[in-house]
Amino acid sequence: MSKPNPKSKSRKEPTKTTEAAVEGSVANVETPEKKNLIKERTPEEKRKEHRDGIVKTIISAALGIIAGVLCFSLYGTGVDQKWYAILMIVIGFTYFIQKLVYPQLKIDVKEFKFKDWFYVEFIVIDFFLVVWTLLLNQNFM
């Protein structure tokens, strides 16, 4: 007796389905009890989240502007310093300042996720770099 060749095995042919069978399976999949995964927020919660978002943006922008002015006054052009060290110092200080300021403004820092911290620090770094660059370029105008 010879062994069966795995390549010679017959493949199963797809079964033909009728429209009635398709409609019946769709009806089984769709159930009238759909779970609402998105939590409905009240208008007060929406207003508070909107207000918190504006406050976070303003505080981050102000910290970035202050950091840009301070770095220009302390380091000038920053030629003698490592740019990534200055950037890490700014990120570290502004992170801890924000952790102290937000609870004073009734913003719950414990609810912050990585995305929230990334957002506020990105705004700080943007404003820091723009302000420092503008101050560095004022001598050339």
Protein backbone atom coordinates (compact mmCIF):
# COMPACT_ATOMS: atom_id res chain seq x y z
CA MET A 1 0.00 0.00 0.00
CA SER A 2 1.21 3.45 -0.78
CA LYS A 3 1.05 6.43 1.53
CA PRO A 4 -1.37 9.19 0.59
CA ASN A 5 0.34 12.26 -0.83
CA PRO A 6 -0.63 15.43 1.06
CA LYS A 7 -0.78 17.35 -2.20
CA SER A 8 -3.26 14.91 -3.68
CA LYS A 9 -5.83 15.39 -0.90
CA SER A 10 -8.98 16.87 -2.26
CA ARG A 11 -9.92 20.29 -1.01
CA LYS A 12 -13.37 20.92 0.23
CA GLU A 13 -15.42 22.82 -2.26
CA PRO A 14 -17.27 25.84 -0.93
CA THR A 15 -20.91 25.14 -0.37
CA LYS A 16 -23.42 27.12 -2.32
CA THR A 17 -25.58 29.35 -0.20
CA THR A 18 -28.97 30.67 -1.06
CA GLU A 19 -30.28 34.15 -0.33
CA ALA A 20 -32.63 32.76 2.28
CA ALA A 21 -29.73 31.18 4.15
CA VAL A 22 -27.76 34.44 4.01
CA GLU A 23 -30.70 36.48 5.25
CA GLY A 24 -31.31 33.98 8.03
CA SER A 25 -27.69 34.17 9.19
CA VAL A 26 -27.75 37.98 9.14
CA ALA A 27 -30.89 37.95 11.21
CA ASN A 28 -29.17 35.71 13.74
CA VAL A 29 -26.15 38.02 13.99
CA GLU A 30 -28.12 41.21 14.50
CA THR A 31 -29.75 41.26 17.86
CA PRO A 32 -32.16 43.94 18.98
CA GLU A 33 -30.21 44.31 22.23
CA LYS A 34 -27.21 46.35 21.09
CA LYS A 35 -24.99 47.43 23.91
CA ASN A 36 -24.16 51.10 23.96
CA LEU A 37 -20.40 51.13 24.56
CA ILE A 38 -20.14 54.93 24.61
CA LYS A 39 -21.15 56.39 27.91
CA GLU A 40 -23.62 59.20 27.48
CA ARG A 41 -22.40 62.38 29.15
CA THR A 42 -24.59 65.00 30.65
CA PRO A 43 -24.34 68.60 29.46
CA GLU A 44 -22.59 69.53 32.72
CA GLU A 45 -19.92 66.86 32.14
CA LYS A 46 -19.43 68.06 28.57
CA ARG A 47 -19.00 71.66 29.75
CA LYS A 48 -16.54 70.62 32.46
CA GLU A 49 -14.45 68.57 30.00
CA HIS A 50 -14.45 71.45 27.53
CA ARG A 51 -13.42 73.91 30.24
CA ASP A 52 -10.69 71.54 31.46
CA GLY A 53 -9.35 71.15 27.92
CA ILE A 54 -9.12 74.92 27.49
CA VAL A 55 -7.43 75.36 30.87
CA LYS A 56 -4.92 72.59 30.12
CA THR A 57 -4.07 74.20 26.78
CA ILE A 58 -3.65 77.68 28.28
CA ILE A 59 -1.48 76.46 31.18
CA SER A 60 0.69 74.39 28.82
CA ALA A 61 1.12 77.30 26.42
CA ALA A 62 2.01 79.69 29.25
CA LEU A 63 4.58 77.26 30.65
CA GLY A 64 6.11 76.86 27.18
CA ILE A 65 6.39 80.63 26.75
CA ILE A 66 7.96 81.05 30.18
CA ALA A 67 10.40 78.22 29.48
CA GLY A 68 11.39 79.79 26.15
CA VAL A 69 12.06 83.18 27.74
CA LEU A 70 13.99 81.60 30.64
CA CYS A 71 16.16 79.50 28.34
CA PHE A 72 16.96 82.52 26.21
CA SER A 73 17.92 84.57 29.26
CA LEU A 74 19.94 81.74 30.85
CA TYR A 75 21.53 80.04 27.87
CA GLY A 76 21.29 82.60 25.08
CA THR A 77 21.98 80.72 21.88
CA GLY A 78 22.63 77.50 23.78
CA VAL A 79 25.82 76.78 21.84
CA ASP A 80 27.69 75.62 24.95
CA GLN A 81 24.83 73.35 26.06
CA LYS A 82 23.48 70.08 24.73
CA TRP A 83 20.11 70.79 23.15
CA TYR A 84 18.57 67.48 24.25
CA ALA A 85 19.58 68.13 27.87
CA ILE A 86 17.80 71.48 27.78
CA LEU A 87 14.75 69.82 26.24
CA MET A 88 14.65 67.12 28.93
CA ILE A 89 15.02 69.72 31.68
CA VAL A 90 12.08 71.68 30.27
CA ILE A 91 9.95 68.55 29.97
CA GLY A 92 10.79 67.47 33.53
CA PHE A 93 10.12 70.82 35.16
CA THR A 94 6.91 71.52 33.28
CA TYR A 95 5.60 68.01 34.00
CA PHE A 96 5.98 68.48 37.75
CA ILE A 97 4.68 72.04 37.66
CA GLN A 98 1.57 70.85 35.85
CA LYS A 99 1.11 68.01 38.34
CA LEU A 100 0.98 70.67 41.07
CA VAL A 101 -1.06 73.31 39.25
CA TYR A 102 -3.89 71.21 37.81
CA PRO A 103 -5.28 69.97 41.15
CA GLN A 104 -5.41 73.62 42.30
CA LEU A 105 -7.62 74.33 39.28
CA LYS A 106 -9.86 71.33 40.09
CA ILE A 107 -8.60 69.19 37.22
CA ASP A 108 -8.19 65.55 38.24
CA VAL A 109 -4.63 64.52 37.40
CA LYS A 110 -5.35 60.90 38.36
CA GLU A 111 -7.63 60.56 35.32
CA PHE A 112 -4.82 61.61 32.96
CA LYS A 113 -3.64 58.91 30.62
CA PHE A 114 -0.50 58.82 28.51
CA LYS A 115 -2.33 60.58 25.69
CA ASP A 116 -3.27 63.51 27.95
CA TRP A 117 0.26 63.97 29.28
CA PHE A 118 1.67 63.69 25.77
CA TYR A 119 -0.77 66.37 24.60
CA VAL A 120 0.10 68.92 27.28
CA GLU A 121 3.84 68.32 27.03
CA PHE A 122 3.70 68.58 23.25
CA ILE A 123 2.11 72.02 23.59
CA VAL A 124 4.78 73.04 26.12
CA ILE A 125 7.60 71.94 23.81
CA ASP A 126 5.99 73.62 20.79
CA PHE A 127 5.66 76.97 22.53
CA PHE A 128 9.10 76.64 24.13
CA LEU A 129 10.83 76.05 20.81
CA VAL A 130 8.88 78.73 18.95
CA VAL A 131 9.50 81.40 21.59
CA TRP A 132 13.18 80.55 21.96
CA THR A 133 13.62 80.58 18.17
CA LEU A 134 11.87 83.94 17.85
CA LEU A 135 14.03 85.42 20.60
CA LEU A 136 17.19 84.06 18.97
CA ASN A 137 16.20 85.61 15.64
CA GLN A 138 15.43 89.07 17.00
CA ASN A 139 19.09 90.08 16.67
CA PHE A 140 19.07 89.47 12.92
CA MET A 141 16.13 91.73 12.08
